[in-house]
Each structure stands twice: as structure tokens, then as C-alpha cells.
Amino acid sequence: MDIKHLTHIVALADKRNFARAAEQLNLSQPALSRSIKSLEDELGQPLFDRIGRKNELTAFGQHIVAHAQSLVD
């Protein structure tokens, strides 16, 4: 996990949409998806429940985002 991953998860948590978060980060949507998937694989748990176009944080994801936000700030 690095600062890039933390920035990506914070943006996705804020926008709750891969396309909008990717746009904010100046990334392609597939690149952001790969980054989040990589982080989920590293942590061994899903961070988001993917519901159609909307993405809701899991309980574990909320915990990670709270720490990520403080590190990114």
C-alpha cells in the first residue's frame, strides 16, 4: 500500500463512482479499478460493495478510508 492507493481509495469513497473518481484523479476508469482491486487483494478483504454504478464502503473499507484520509491530508 502506498500514497497513490490511499489517494485512490479516498477519492472513490468521496465520489462513490469509479468514473467520477477516475476523472477527479486524472486516471482512466480501468486504471482506478485495477488500483482498488490491487489494494483489496493486498488487504485480503473488499473495501467496497459494488451495487450497479454506486459503490458503498464496507465496514472494513470505512475503517481503512478513515486512516487513509488522515494520511493523505
Protein backbone atom coordinates (compact mmCIF):
# COMPACT_ATOMS: atom_id res chain seq x y z
CA MET A 1 0.00 0.00 0.00
CA ASP A 2 1.35 3.41 -0.92
CA ILE A 3 0.14 7.01 -1.00
CA LYS A 4 -1.22 6.50 -4.52
CA HIS A 5 -3.52 3.72 -3.33
CA LEU A 6 -4.61 5.81 -0.37
CA THR A 7 -5.42 8.76 -2.63
CA HIS A 8 -7.42 6.48 -4.92
CA ILE A 9 -9.50 4.94 -2.13
CA VAL A 10 -10.24 8.36 -0.62
CA ALA A 11 -11.41 9.73 -3.98
CA LEU A 12 -13.60 6.68 -4.64
CA ALA A 13 -15.07 6.86 -1.14
CA ASP A 14 -15.92 10.51 -1.76
CA LYS A 15 -17.41 10.10 -5.25
CA ARG A 16 -18.78 6.54 -4.80
CA ASN A 17 -18.43 6.12 -8.55
CA PHE A 18 -15.38 4.78 -10.39
CA ALA A 19 -15.81 7.02 -13.44
CA ARG A 20 -16.17 10.23 -11.42
CA ALA A 21 -13.32 9.34 -9.07
CA ALA A 22 -11.08 8.45 -12.02
CA GLU A 23 -11.89 11.78 -13.65
CA GLN A 24 -11.02 13.63 -10.45
CA LEU A 25 -7.71 11.74 -10.28
CA ASN A 26 -6.96 12.19 -14.00
CA LEU A 27 -6.90 8.41 -14.47
CA SER A 28 -8.77 6.07 -16.72
CA GLN A 29 -11.58 4.14 -15.05
CA PRO A 30 -9.88 0.77 -15.70
CA ALA A 31 -6.66 2.05 -14.08
CA LEU A 32 -8.55 3.10 -10.96
CA SER A 33 -10.39 -0.24 -10.87
CA ARG A 34 -7.07 -2.10 -11.04
CA SER A 35 -5.62 0.06 -8.28
CA ILE A 36 -8.56 -0.57 -5.95
CA LYS A 37 -8.57 -4.30 -6.79
CA SER A 38 -4.85 -4.45 -6.06
CA LEU A 39 -5.39 -2.81 -2.68
CA GLU A 40 -8.28 -5.16 -1.86
CA ASP A 41 -6.09 -8.15 -2.80
CA GLU A 42 -3.26 -6.85 -0.63
CA LEU A 43 -5.56 -6.32 2.35
CA GLY A 44 -7.46 -9.56 1.78
CA GLN A 45 -10.92 -8.03 2.04
CA PRO A 46 -13.27 -5.99 -0.14
CA LEU A 47 -13.34 -2.27 0.57
CA PHE A 48 -16.47 -1.53 -1.45
CA ASP A 49 -19.77 -3.25 -2.12
CA ARG A 50 -20.34 -2.68 -5.81
CA ILE A 51 -24.02 -2.02 -6.40
CA GLY A 52 -24.63 -1.10 -10.02
CA ARG A 53 -22.98 2.24 -10.65
CA LYS A 54 -22.83 3.11 -6.96
CA ASN A 55 -20.15 1.81 -4.63
CA GLU A 56 -20.72 1.64 -0.89
CA LEU A 57 -17.92 1.21 1.60
CA THR A 58 -17.85 -1.99 3.59
CA ALA A 59 -17.28 -1.71 7.36
CA PHE A 60 -13.64 -2.62 6.73
CA GLY A 61 -13.49 -0.03 3.95
CA GLN A 62 -14.79 2.68 6.28
CA HIS A 63 -12.03 1.87 8.73
CA ILE A 64 -9.35 1.99 6.02
CA VAL A 65 -10.69 5.23 4.50
CA ALA A 66 -10.65 6.97 7.89
CA HIS A 67 -6.96 6.17 8.27
CA ALA A 68 -6.20 6.87 4.60
CA GLN A 69 -7.84 10.30 4.79
CA SER A 70 -5.67 11.34 7.71
CA LEU A 71 -2.52 10.16 5.93
CA VAL A 72 -3.43 11.86 2.65
CA ASP A 73 -4.23 15.13 4.42
